[in-house]
Amino acid sequence: MPHRLKRDDQVVVVAGKDKGARGKILKVFLDRDRVIVEGVNRVKRHQRPTQTMPQGGIIEKEMPIHVSNVMLLDPKEDKPTRVRVQTDKEGKRVRVAARSGAVLDS
């Protein structure tokens, strides 16, 4: 099933330890039904020194969370909304916010 969330969408976390957090989707994993959201689900990892990161050390990075735990932010009302897929006048499929009816794809 194709996801209705895309990279750079603004979302809010609706479940889990970061509930209520808002952020931008950085990456979508279609095969695993997960997304990485900016500033959400941050963990500390030990990093061995490499050529790109010669100092190594402990780094903080975002880990993926399941798509069912995030909802898209409605651009008009700034509240969480479900996403519908509709056909526009030209026959093109567009994403629409269920809450306000705002078209999400330009």
PDB file of N, CA and C in Angstrom:
ATOM      1  N   MET A   1       0.841  -1.186   0.000  1.00  0.00           N
ATOM      2  CA  MET A   1       0.000   0.000   0.000  1.00  0.00           C
ATOM      3  C   MET A   1       0.885   1.248   0.000  1.00  0.00           C
ATOM      4  N   PRO A   2       0.680   2.163  -0.927  1.00  0.00           N
ATOM      5  CA  PRO A   2       1.495   3.376  -0.945  1.00  0.00           C
ATOM      6  C   PRO A   2       1.134   4.282   0.236  1.00  0.00           C
ATOM      7  N   HIS A   3       2.147   4.941   0.764  1.00  0.00           N
ATOM      8  CA  HIS A   3       1.917   5.829   1.901  1.00  0.00           C
ATOM      9  C   HIS A   3       1.383   7.163   1.426  1.00  0.00           C
ATOM     10  N   ARG A   4       0.675   7.798   2.300  1.00  0.00           N
ATOM     11  CA  ARG A   4       0.142   9.110   1.966  1.00  0.00           C
ATOM     12  C   ARG A   4       1.012  10.204   2.556  1.00  0.00           C
ATOM     13  N   LEU A   5       2.149   9.821   3.122  1.00  0.00           N
ATOM     14  CA  LEU A   5       3.104  10.779   3.659  1.00  0.00           C
ATOM     15  C   LEU A   5       4.314  10.827   2.743  1.00  0.00           C
ATOM     16  N   LYS A   6       4.878  12.019   2.589  1.00  0.00           N
ATOM     17  CA  LYS A   6       6.038  12.208   1.725  1.00  0.00           C
ATOM     18  C   LYS A   6       7.115  12.983   2.475  1.00  0.00           C
ATOM     19  N   ARG A   7       8.324  12.961   1.922  1.00  0.00           N
ATOM     20  CA  ARG A   7       9.418  13.719   2.508  1.00  0.00           C
ATOM     21  C   ARG A   7       9.062  15.210   2.511  1.00  0.00           C
ATOM     22  N   ASP A   8       9.484  15.915   3.528  1.00  0.00           N
ATOM     23  CA  ASP A   8       9.247  17.346   3.742  1.00  0.00           C
ATOM     24  C   ASP A   8       7.835  17.682   4.199  1.00  0.00           C
ATOM     25  N   ASP A   9       6.972  16.689   4.439  1.00  0.00           N
ATOM     26  CA  ASP A   9       5.656  16.957   5.024  1.00  0.00           C
ATOM     27  C   ASP A   9       5.839  17.316   6.495  1.00  0.00           C
ATOM     28  N   GLN A  10       5.013  18.237   6.994  1.00  0.00           N
ATOM     29  CA  GLN A  10       5.001  18.569   8.416  1.00  0.00           C
ATOM     30  C   GLN A  10       4.036  17.617   9.110  1.00  0.00           C
ATOM     31  N   VAL A  11       4.511  16.935  10.159  1.00  0.00           N
ATOM     32  CA  VAL A  11       3.683  15.951  10.860  1.00  0.00           C
ATOM     33  C   VAL A  11       3.740  16.195  12.354  1.00  0.00           C
ATOM     34  N   VAL A  12       2.786  15.576  13.073  1.00  0.00           N
ATOM     35  CA  VAL A  12       2.768  15.595  14.532  1.00  0.00           C
ATOM     36  C   VAL A  12       2.712  14.145  14.996  1.00  0.00           C
ATOM     37  N   VAL A  13       3.465  13.836  16.061  1.00  0.00           N
ATOM     38  CA  VAL A  13       3.484  12.482  16.614  1.00  0.00           C
ATOM     39  C   VAL A  13       2.259  12.321  17.499  1.00  0.00           C
ATOM     40  N   VAL A  14       1.465  11.263  17.262  1.00  0.00           N
ATOM     41  CA  VAL A  14       0.218  11.066  18.000  1.00  0.00           C
ATOM     42  C   VAL A  14       0.312   9.934  19.016  1.00  0.00           C
ATOM     43  N   ALA A  15       1.413   9.176  19.028  1.00  0.00           N
ATOM     44  CA  ALA A  15       1.567   8.084  19.989  1.00  0.00           C
ATOM     45  C   ALA A  15       3.039   7.850  20.262  1.00  0.00           C
ATOM     46  N   GLY A  16       3.345   7.349  21.459  1.00  0.00           N
ATOM     47  CA  GLY A  16       4.714   7.012  21.806  1.00  0.00           C
ATOM     48  C   GLY A  16       5.347   8.035  22.741  1.00  0.00           C
ATOM     49  N   LYS A  17       6.642   7.861  22.977  1.00  0.00           N
ATOM     50  CA  LYS A  17       7.330   8.701  23.958  1.00  0.00           C
ATOM     51  C   LYS A  17       7.443  10.157  23.523  1.00  0.00           C
ATOM     52  N   ASP A  18       7.381  10.429  22.226  1.00  0.00           N
ATOM     53  CA  ASP A  18       7.482  11.794  21.713  1.00  0.00           C
ATOM     54  C   ASP A  18       6.121  12.359  21.306  1.00  0.00           C
ATOM     55  N   LYS A  19       5.054  11.872  21.915  1.00  0.00           N
ATOM     56  CA  LYS A  19       3.702  12.309  21.567  1.00  0.00           C
ATOM     57  C   LYS A  19       3.587  13.829  21.680  1.00  0.00           C
ATOM     58  N   GLY A  20       3.008  14.448  20.649  1.00  0.00           N
ATOM     59  CA  GLY A  20       2.829  15.896  20.630  1.00  0.00           C
ATOM     60  C   GLY A  20       3.938  16.628  19.904  1.00  0.00           C
ATOM     61  N   ALA A  21       5.049  15.953  19.633  1.00  0.00           N
ATOM     62  CA  ALA A  21       6.169  16.600  18.948  1.00  0.00           C
ATOM     63  C   ALA A  21       5.824  16.831  17.484  1.00  0.00           C
ATOM     64  N   ARG A  22       6.300  17.943  16.949  1.00  0.00           N
ATOM     65  CA  ARG A  22       6.083  18.270  15.541  1.00  0.00           C
ATOM     66  C   ARG A  22       7.417  18.296  14.831  1.00  0.00           C
ATOM     67  N   GLY A  23       7.389  17.956  13.553  1.00  0.00           N
ATOM     68  CA  GLY A  23       8.628  17.985  12.799  1.00  0.00           C
ATOM     69  C   GLY A  23       8.389  17.689  11.335  1.00  0.00           C
ATOM     70  N   LYS A  24       9.472  17.759  10.583  1.00  0.00           N
ATOM     71  CA  LYS A  24       9.431  17.532   9.144  1.00  0.00           C
ATOM     72  C   LYS A  24       9.924  16.119   8.863  1.00  0.00           C
ATOM     73  N   ILE A  25       9.284  15.434   7.913  1.00  0.00           N
ATOM     74  CA  ILE A  25       9.723  14.096   7.534  1.00  0.00           C
ATOM     75  C   ILE A  25      11.019  14.222   6.740  1.00  0.00           C
ATOM     76  N   LEU A  26      12.061  13.526   7.213  1.00  0.00           N
ATOM     77  CA  LEU A  26      13.352  13.551   6.545  1.00  0.00           C
ATOM     78  C   LEU A  26      13.495  12.404   5.550  1.00  0.00           C
ATOM     79  N   LYS A  27      12.910  11.239   5.878  1.00  0.00           N
ATOM     80  CA  LYS A  27      13.040  10.072   5.012  1.00  0.00           C
ATOM     81  C   LYS A  27      11.858   9.148   5.235  1.00  0.00           C
ATOM     82  N   VAL A  28      11.413   8.491   4.155  1.00  0.00           N
ATOM     83  CA  VAL A  28      10.302   7.538   4.216  1.00  0.00           C
ATOM     84  C   VAL A  28      10.817   6.174   3.790  1.00  0.00           C
ATOM     85  N   PHE A  29      10.540   5.150   4.605  1.00  0.00           N
ATOM     86  CA  PHE A  29      10.890   3.774   4.268  1.00  0.00           C
ATOM     87  C   PHE A  29       9.599   3.049   3.897  1.00  0.00           C
ATOM     88  N   LEU A  30       9.287   2.970   2.607  1.00  0.00           N
ATOM     89  CA  LEU A  30       8.038   2.364   2.150  1.00  0.00           C
ATOM     90  C   LEU A  30       7.960   0.891   2.500  1.00  0.00           C
ATOM     91  N   ASP A  31       9.086   0.172   2.396  1.00  0.00           N
ATOM     92  CA  ASP A  31       9.070  -1.268   2.628  1.00  0.00           C
ATOM     93  C   ASP A  31       8.848  -1.632   4.089  1.00  0.00           C
ATOM     94  N   ARG A  32       9.224  -0.741   5.019  1.00  0.00           N
ATOM     95  CA  ARG A  32       9.099  -1.033   6.444  1.00  0.00           C
ATOM     96  C   ARG A  32       7.988  -0.235   7.129  1.00  0.00           C
ATOM     97  N   ASP A  33       7.232   0.580   6.384  1.00  0.00           N
ATOM     98  CA  ASP A  33       6.160   1.415   6.939  1.00  0.00           C
ATOM     99  C   ASP A  33       6.664   2.341   8.048  1.00  0.00           C
ATOM    100  N   ARG A  34       7.828   2.937   7.838  1.00  0.00           N
ATOM    101  CA  ARG A  34       8.405   3.807   8.851  1.00  0.00           C
ATOM    102  C   ARG A  34       8.877   5.115   8.235  1.00  0.00           C
ATOM    103  N   VAL A  35       8.976   6.138   9.082  1.00  0.00           N
ATOM    104  CA  VAL A  35       9.474   7.439   8.645  1.00  0.00           C
ATOM    105  C   VAL A  35      10.460   7.960   9.679  1.00  0.00           C
ATOM    106  N   ILE A  36      11.391   8.803   9.225  1.00  0.00           N
ATOM    107  CA  ILE A  36      12.278   9.516  10.145  1.00  0.00           C
ATOM    108  C   ILE A  36      11.797  10.956  10.189  1.00  0.00           C
ATOM    109  N   VAL A  37      11.486  11.425  11.411  1.00  0.00           N
ATOM    110  CA  VAL A  37      10.976  12.778  11.610  1.00  0.00           C
ATOM    111  C   VAL A  37      12.050  13.586  12.338  1.00  0.00           C
ATOM    112  N   GLU A  38      12.262  14.798  11.872  1.00  0.00           N
ATOM    113  CA  GLU A  38      13.279  15.689  12.420  1.00  0.00           C
ATOM    114  C   GLU A  38      13.021  15.955  13.906  1.00  0.00           C
ATOM    115  N   GLY A  39      14.010  15.620  14.751  1.00  0.00           N
ATOM    116  CA  GLY A  39      13.922  15.896  16.185  1.00  0.00           C
ATOM    117  C   GLY A  39      13.095  14.917  16.985  1.00  0.00           C
ATOM    118  N   VAL A  40      12.648  13.823  16.376  1.00  0.00           N
ATOM    119  CA  VAL A  40      11.785  12.848  17.057  1.00  0.00           C
ATOM    120  C   VAL A  40      12.509  11.507  17.143  1.00  0.00           C
ATOM    121  N   ASN A  41      12.335  10.809  18.271  1.00  0.00           N
ATOM    122  CA  ASN A  41      12.929   9.485  18.510  1.00  0.00           C
ATOM    123  C   ASN A  41      14.452   9.550  18.405  1.00  0.00           C
ATOM    124  N   ARG A  42      15.041  10.523  19.094  1.00  0.00           N
ATOM    125  CA  ARG A  42      16.501  10.688  19.069  1.00  0.00           C
ATOM    126  C   ARG A  42      17.145   9.689  20.029  1.00  0.00           C
ATOM    127  N   VAL A  43      18.230   9.060  19.580  1.00  0.00           N
ATOM    128  CA  VAL A  43      18.974   8.110  20.390  1.00  0.00           C
ATOM    129  C   VAL A  43      20.456   8.455  20.320  1.00  0.00           C
ATOM    130  N   LYS A  44      21.218   7.951  21.288  1.00  0.00           N
ATOM    131  CA  LYS A  44      22.666   8.163  21.291  1.00  0.00           C
ATOM    132  C   LYS A  44      23.333   6.899  20.782  1.00  0.00           C
ATOM    133  N   ARG A  45      24.285   7.068  19.894  1.00  0.00           N
ATOM    134  CA  ARG A  45      25.007   5.946  19.307  1.00  0.00           C
ATOM    135  C   ARG A  45      26.510   6.210  19.411  1.00  0.00           C
ATOM    136  N   HIS A  46      27.270   5.162  19.680  1.00  0.00           N
ATOM    137  CA  HIS A  46      28.729   5.269  19.707  1.00  0.00           C
ATOM    138  C   HIS A  46      29.238   5.182  18.279  1.00  0.00           C
ATOM    139  N   GLN A  47      30.003   6.181  17.882  1.00  0.00           N
ATOM    140  CA  GLN A  47      30.495   6.260  16.503  1.00  0.00           C
ATOM    141  C   GLN A  47      32.000   6.057  16.478  1.00  0.00           C
ATOM    142  N   ARG A  48      32.452   5.048  15.763  1.00  0.00           N
ATOM    143  CA  ARG A  48      33.886   4.811  15.597  1.00  0.00           C
ATOM    144  C   ARG A  48      34.454   5.892  14.680  1.00  0.00           C
ATOM    145  N   PRO A  49      35.654   6.342  14.923  1.00  0.00           N
ATOM    146  CA  PRO A  49      36.249   7.357  14.039  1.00  0.00           C
ATOM    147  C   PRO A  49      36.368   6.850  12.598  1.00  0.00           C
ATOM    148  N   THR A  50      35.947   7.680  11.657  1.00  0.00           N
ATOM    149  CA  THR A  50      36.046   7.363  10.240  1.00  0.00           C
ATOM    150  C   THR A  50      36.684   8.551   9.535  1.00  0.00           C
ATOM    151  N   GLN A  51      36.901   8.418   8.228  1.00  0.00           N
ATOM    152  CA  GLN A  51      37.485   9.545   7.497  1.00  0.00           C
ATOM    153  C   GLN A  51      36.527  10.722   7.435  1.00  0.00           C
ATOM    154  N   THR A  52      35.223  10.448   7.343  1.00  0.00           N
ATOM    155  CA  THR A  52      34.263  11.547   7.287  1.00  0.00           C
ATOM    156  C   THR A  52      34.038  12.177   8.658  1.00  0.00           C
ATOM    157  N   MET A  53      34.229  11.378   9.736  1.00  0.00           N
ATOM    158  CA  MET A  53      34.045  11.873  11.105  1.00  0.00           C
ATOM    159  C   MET A  53      35.241  11.437  11.941  1.00  0.00           C
ATOM    160  N   PRO A  54      36.406  12.126  11.810  1.00  0.00           N
ATOM    161  CA  PRO A  54      37.636  11.649  12.421  1.00  0.00           C
ATOM    162  C   PRO A  54      37.639  11.617  13.950  1.00  0.00           C
ATOM    163  N   GLN A  55      36.802  12.433  14.600  1.00  0.00           N
ATOM    164  CA  GLN A  55      36.842  12.446  16.058  1.00  0.00           C
ATOM    165  C   GLN A  55      36.024  11.319  16.684  1.00  0.00           C
ATOM    166  N   GLY A  56      35.035  10.752  15.962  1.00  0.00           N
ATOM    167  CA  GLY A  56      34.213   9.681  16.536  1.00  0.00           C
ATOM    168  C   GLY A  56      33.406  10.203  17.708  1.00  0.00           C
ATOM    169  N   GLY A  57      33.144   9.349  18.703  1.00  0.00           N
ATOM    170  CA  GLY A  57      32.452   9.772  19.916  1.00  0.00           C
ATOM    171  C   GLY A  57      31.005   9.326  19.933  1.00  0.00           C
ATOM    172  N   ILE A  58      30.250   9.941  20.839  1.00  0.00           N
ATOM    173  CA  ILE A  58      28.834   9.610  20.987  1.00  0.00           C
ATOM    174  C   ILE A  58      28.032  10.647  20.217  1.00  0.00           C
ATOM    175  N   ILE A  59      27.222  10.178  19.274  1.00  0.00           N
ATOM    176  CA  ILE A  59      26.411  11.090  18.464  1.00  0.00           C
ATOM    177  C   ILE A  59      24.936  10.832  18.744  1.00  0.00           C
ATOM    178  N   GLU A  60      24.119  11.855  18.534  1.00  0.00           N
ATOM    179  CA  GLU A  60      22.669  11.715  18.644  1.00  0.00           C
ATOM    180  C   GLU A  60      22.084  11.741  17.254  1.00  0.00           C
ATOM    181  N   LYS A  61      21.168  10.807  16.978  1.00  0.00           N
ATOM    182  CA  LYS A  61      20.527  10.800  15.668  1.00  0.00           C
ATOM    183  C   LYS A  61      19.093  10.335  15.799  1.00  0.00           C
ATOM    184  N   GLU A  62      18.287  10.674  14.781  1.00  0.00           N
ATOM    185  CA  GLU A  62      16.890  10.273  14.758  1.00  0.00           C
ATOM    186  C   GLU A  62      16.777   8.848  14.229  1.00  0.00           C
ATOM    187  N   MET A  63      15.880   8.073  14.824  1.00  0.00           N
ATOM    188  CA  MET A  63      15.609   6.721  14.371  1.00  0.00           C
ATOM    189  C   MET A  63      14.187   6.685  13.802  1.00  0.00           C
ATOM    190  N   PRO A  64      13.891   5.694  12.951  1.00  0.00           N
ATOM    191  CA  PRO A  64      12.571   5.626  12.331  1.00  0.00           C
ATOM    192  C   PRO A  64      11.464   5.313  13.343  1.00  0.00           C
ATOM    193  N   ILE A  65      10.267   5.846  13.077  1.00  0.00           N
ATOM    194  CA  ILE A  65       9.068   5.474  13.832  1.00  0.00           C
ATOM    195  C   ILE A  65       8.005   5.037  12.843  1.00  0.00           C
ATOM    196  N   HIS A  66       7.047   4.271  13.317  1.00  0.00           N
ATOM    197  CA  HIS A  66       6.020   3.714  12.438  1.00  0.00           C
ATOM    198  C   HIS A  66       5.081   4.813  11.948  1.00  0.00           C
ATOM    199  N   VAL A  67       4.611   4.675  10.701  1.00  0.00           N
ATOM    200  CA  VAL A  67       3.753   5.709  10.109  1.00  0.00           C
ATOM    201  C   VAL A  67       2.428   5.852  10.841  1.00  0.00           C
ATOM    202  N   SER A  68       1.985   4.799  11.544  1.00  0.00           N
ATOM    203  CA  SER A  68       0.718   4.888  12.267  1.00  0.00           C
ATOM    204  C   SER A  68       0.826   5.815  13.474  1.00  0.00           C
ATOM    205  N   ASN A  69       2.042   6.157  13.882  1.00  0.00           N
ATOM    206  CA  ASN A  69       2.238   7.026  15.043  1.00  0.00           C
ATOM    207  C   ASN A  69       2.373   8.497  14.685  1.00  0.00           C
ATOM    208  N   VAL A  70       2.251   8.847  13.404  1.00  0.00           N
ATOM    209  CA  VAL A  70       2.318  10.245  12.992  1.00  0.00           C
ATOM    210  C   VAL A  70       1.095  10.596  12.150  1.00  0.00           C
ATOM    211  N   MET A  71       0.709  11.871  12.212  1.00  0.00           N
ATOM    212  CA  MET A  71      -0.378  12.385  11.384  1.00  0.00           C
ATOM    213  C   MET A  71       0.083  13.676  10.738  1.00  0.00           C
ATOM    214  N   LEU A  72      -0.358  13.882   9.529  1.00  0.00           N
ATOM    215  CA  LEU A  72      -0.017  15.082   8.786  1.00  0.00           C
ATOM    216  C   LEU A  72      -0.663  16.302   9.435  1.00  0.00           C
ATOM    217  N   LEU A  73       0.040  17.433   9.419  1.00  0.00           N
ATOM    218  CA  LEU A  73      -0.530  18.684   9.928  1.00  0.00           C
ATOM    219  C   LEU A  73      -1.316  19.355   8.817  1.00  0.00           C
ATOM    220  N   ASP A  74      -2.549  19.729   9.115  1.00  0.00           N
ATOM    221  CA  ASP A  74      -3.391  20.423   8.148  1.00  0.00           C
ATOM    222  C   ASP A  74      -2.805  21.812   7.907  1.00  0.00           C
ATOM    223  N   PRO A  75      -2.530  22.180   6.647  1.00  0.00           N
ATOM    224  CA  PRO A  75      -1.912  23.488   6.394  1.00  0.00           C
ATOM    225  C   PRO A  75      -2.824  24.667   6.749  1.00  0.00           C
ATOM    226  N   LYS A  76      -4.141  24.485   6.711  1.00  0.00           N
ATOM    227  CA  LYS A  76      -5.059  25.593   7.019  1.00  0.00           C
ATOM    228  C   LYS A  76      -5.275  25.748   8.516  1.00  0.00           C
ATOM    229  N   GLU A  77      -5.525  24.627   9.211  1.00  0.00           N
ATOM    230  CA  GLU A  77      -5.921  24.697  10.621  1.00  0.00           C
ATOM    231  C   GLU A  77      -4.797  24.391  11.591  1.00  0.00           C
ATOM    232  N   ASP A  78      -3.643  23.924  11.112  1.00  0.00           N
ATOM    233  CA  ASP A  78      -2.489  23.601  11.948  1.00  0.00           C
ATOM    234  C   ASP A  78      -2.833  22.557  13.006  1.00  0.00           C
ATOM    235  N   LYS A  79      -3.667  21.569  12.615  1.00  0.00           N
ATOM    236  CA  LYS A  79      -4.047  20.464  13.489  1.00  0.00           C
ATOM    237  C   LYS A  79      -3.856  19.154  12.731  1.00  0.00           C
ATOM    238  N   PRO A  80      -3.723  18.031  13.455  1.00  0.00           N
ATOM    239  CA  PRO A  80      -3.535  16.744  12.767  1.00  0.00           C
ATOM    240  C   PRO A  80      -4.738  16.378  11.903  1.00  0.00           C
ATOM    241  N   THR A  81      -4.469  15.761  10.762  1.00  0.00           N
ATOM    242  CA  THR A  81      -5.532  15.371   9.850  1.00  0.00           C
ATOM    243  C   THR A  81      -5.173  14.077   9.136  1.00  0.00           C
ATOM    244  N   ARG A  82      -6.191  13.377   8.677  1.00  0.00           N
ATOM    245  CA  ARG A  82      -5.973  12.232   7.811  1.00  0.00           C
ATOM    246  C   ARG A  82      -5.785  12.749   6.390  1.00  0.00           C
ATOM    247  N   VAL A  83      -5.308  11.876   5.520  1.00  0.00           N
ATOM    248  CA  VAL A  83      -5.038  12.270   4.144  1.00  0.00           C
ATOM    249  C   VAL A  83      -5.895  11.450   3.206  1.00  0.00           C
ATOM    250  N   ARG A  84      -6.536  12.125   2.262  1.00  0.00           N
ATOM    251  CA  ARG A  84      -7.320  11.465   1.222  1.00  0.00           C
ATOM    252  C   ARG A  84      -6.622  11.652  -0.106  1.00  0.00           C
ATOM    253  N   VAL A  85      -6.839  10.721  -1.013  1.00  0.00           N
ATOM    254  CA  VAL A  85      -6.333  10.869  -2.370  1.00  0.00           C
ATOM    255  C   VAL A  85      -7.537  11.046  -3.278  1.00  0.00           C
ATOM    256  N   GLN A  86      -7.575  12.149  -4.009  1.00  0.00           N
ATOM    257  CA  GLN A  86      -8.684  12.431  -4.912  1.00  0.00           C
ATOM    258  C   GLN A  86      -8.142  12.727  -6.298  1.00  0.00           C
ATOM    259  N   THR A  87      -9.026  12.720  -7.272  1.00  0.00           N
ATOM    260  CA  THR A  87      -8.667  13.058  -8.642  1.00  0.00           C
ATOM    261  C   THR A  87      -9.114  14.481  -8.914  1.00  0.00           C
ATOM    262  N   ASP A  88      -8.194  15.304  -9.438  1.00  0.00           N
ATOM    263  CA  ASP A  88      -8.559  16.692  -9.734  1.00  0.00           C
ATOM    264  C   ASP A  88      -9.188  16.792 -11.126  1.00  0.00           C
ATOM    265  N   LYS A  89      -9.418  18.013 -11.575  1.00  0.00           N
ATOM    266  CA  LYS A  89     -10.118  18.235 -12.849  1.00  0.00           C
ATOM    267  C   LYS A  89      -9.348  17.721 -14.053  1.00  0.00           C
ATOM    268  N   GLU A  90      -8.016  17.710 -13.967  1.00  0.00           N
ATOM    269  CA  GLU A  90      -7.203  17.225 -15.085  1.00  0.00           C
ATOM    270  C   GLU A  90      -7.030  15.709 -15.056  1.00  0.00           C
ATOM    271  N   GLY A  91      -7.602  15.035 -14.055  1.00  0.00           N
ATOM    272  CA  GLY A  91      -7.470  13.593 -13.945  1.00  0.00           C
ATOM    273  C   GLY A  91      -6.228  13.160 -13.190  1.00  0.00           C
ATOM    274  N   LYS A  92      -5.550  14.113 -12.556  1.00  0.00           N
ATOM    275  CA  LYS A  92      -4.344  13.822 -11.793  1.00  0.00           C
ATOM    276  C   LYS A  92      -4.716  13.518 -10.349  1.00  0.00           C
ATOM    277  N   ARG A  93      -4.014  12.555  -9.725  1.00  0.00           N
ATOM    278  CA  ARG A  93      -4.280  12.228  -8.331  1.00  0.00           C
ATOM    279  C   ARG A  93      -3.568  13.224  -7.428  1.00  0.00           C
ATOM    280  N   VAL A  94      -4.287  13.771  -6.456  1.00  0.00           N
ATOM    281  CA  VAL A  94      -3.710  14.731  -5.513  1.00  0.00           C
ATOM    282  C   VAL A  94      -4.065  14.314  -4.094  1.00  0.00           C
ATOM    283  N   ARG A  95      -3.189  14.698  -3.152  1.00  0.00           N
ATOM    284  CA  ARG A  95      -3.460  14.449  -1.739  1.00  0.00           C
ATOM    285  C   ARG A  95      -4.253  15.614  -1.173  1.00  0.00           C
ATOM    286  N   VAL A  96      -5.265  15.293  -0.362  1.00  0.00           N
ATOM    287  CA  VAL A  96      -6.154  16.309   0.195  1.00  0.00           C
ATOM    288  C   VAL A  96      -6.261  16.077   1.701  1.00  0.00           C
ATOM    289  N   ALA A  97      -6.206  17.149   2.490  1.00  0.00           N
ATOM    290  CA  ALA A  97      -6.390  17.051   3.934  1.00  0.00           C
ATOM    291  C   ALA A  97      -7.862  16.770   4.221  1.00  0.00           C
ATOM    292  N   ALA A  98      -8.143  15.708   4.951  1.00  0.00           N
ATOM    293  CA  ALA A  98      -9.525  15.331   5.238  1.00  0.00           C
ATOM    294  C   ALA A  98     -10.217  16.351   6.136  1.00  0.00           C
ATOM    295  N   ARG A  99      -9.464  17.010   6.984  1.00  0.00           N
ATOM    296  CA  ARG A  99     -10.042  17.958   7.959  1.00  0.00           C
ATOM    297  C   ARG A  99     -10.592  19.202   7.276  1.00  0.00           C
ATOM    298  N   SER A 100      -9.809  19.827   6.391  1.00  0.00           N
ATOM    299  CA  SER A 100     -10.228  21.105   5.797  1.00  0.00           C
ATOM    300  C   SER A 100     -10.473  21.029   4.305  1.00  0.00           C
ATOM    301  N   GLY A 101     -10.043  19.961   3.662  1.00  0.00           N
ATOM    302  CA  GLY A 101     -10.183  19.851   2.214  1.00  0.00           C
ATOM    303  C   GLY A 101      -9.087  20.562   1.437  1.00  0.00           C
ATOM    304  N   ALA A 102      -8.056  21.012   2.132  1.00  0.00           N
ATOM    305  CA  ALA A 102      -6.954  21.708   1.472  1.00  0.00           C
ATOM    306  C   ALA A 102      -6.139  20.735   0.633  1.00  0.00           C
ATOM    307  N   VAL A 103      -5.784  21.157  -0.576  1.00  0.00           N
ATOM    308  CA  VAL A 103      -4.958  20.333  -1.453  1.00  0.00           C
ATOM    309  C   VAL A 103      -3.507  20.424  -0.984  1.00  0.00           C
ATOM    310  N   LEU A 104      -2.856  19.270  -0.782  1.00  0.00           N
ATOM    311  CA  LEU A 104      -1.505  19.238  -0.235  1.00  0.00           C
ATOM    312  C   LEU A 104      -0.440  19.276  -1.321  1.00  0.00           C
ATOM    313  N   ASP A 105      -0.724  18.730  -2.502  1.00  0.00           N
ATOM    314  CA  ASP A 105       0.237  18.722  -3.599  1.00  0.00           C
ATOM    315  C   ASP A 105      -0.020  19.903  -4.509  1.00  0.00           C
ATOM    316  N   SER A 106       1.034  20.577  -4.882  1.00  0.00           N
ATOM    317  CA  SER A 106       0.886  21.737  -5.768  1.00  0.00           C
ATOM    318  C   SER A 106       0.905  21.326  -7.209  1.00  0.00           C
TER     319      SER A 106
END
